[in-house]
Amino acid sequence: MKICYLFLILLILEIQANGQTAAAAIDNSPRSIQERFQLMKGNSQTFQEYKVIKETILDGVWKISTDTIKKLTNRVKLSNNELIASQAELSRIQNELKLKEASIVDITFDSTHLSILGIQMTKGFSKLLFFSIVAGLISIILFGLFRMKLMITEVRESNLIVNNLTHDFDDFKKSALDKQAKLSRELQTERNKNLELKGAR
């Protein structure tokens, strides 16, 4: 009977020791689900080819497993939310970058181009156009001045010719009047001679 008691005590101790080692699968230590499953399986009693696991330990491992899956699911959701927020931020930054690049392109275009009468042209071409216009205007002014000088010279020559012609005409007129007066006197003298000859007859 002592042997029976001893055997019974050893059996109880064995069951309690197995229960404690199997219970290690559901303690609060930081273990993975796979480690907990291996602890539960390794420390359970075997009956023929089957493993005998206490229902409380199986429920504990199940609860820990579902809690771990929930935590992982929450982590995945948080990671997805962070990823979505990061993608939205990246999209916003890319849009800002595109706007800044467009602004830089506009500023660069504006710094190298001018708008004259609504026509866009490069600064080099606008300088060339400006100097061409200025050179054209100067040429027109110089041409005008040259023509005016020629016209003034021609007018002076014309005035000189007119003055000479007027002087010559006046001289001719004076000489013609002198000739006419002389001829008139000669004619009068001849008339007077004719009258004297008629009166003497």
Foldseek 3Di string as FASTA:
>chain_A
DVVVVVVVVVVVVLVVVLVVQLLVLQDPDDDDLVVSVCSNQVSFDDDDNDTDGDPVSVVSSVVVVVVVVVVVVVVVVVVVVVVVVVVVVVVVVVVVVVVVVVVVVVVVLVVQWDADPNDIDGPVVVVVVVVVVVVVVVVVVVVVVVVVVVVVVVVVVVVVVVVVVVVVVVVVVVVVVVVVVVVVVVVVVVVVVVVVVVVVD
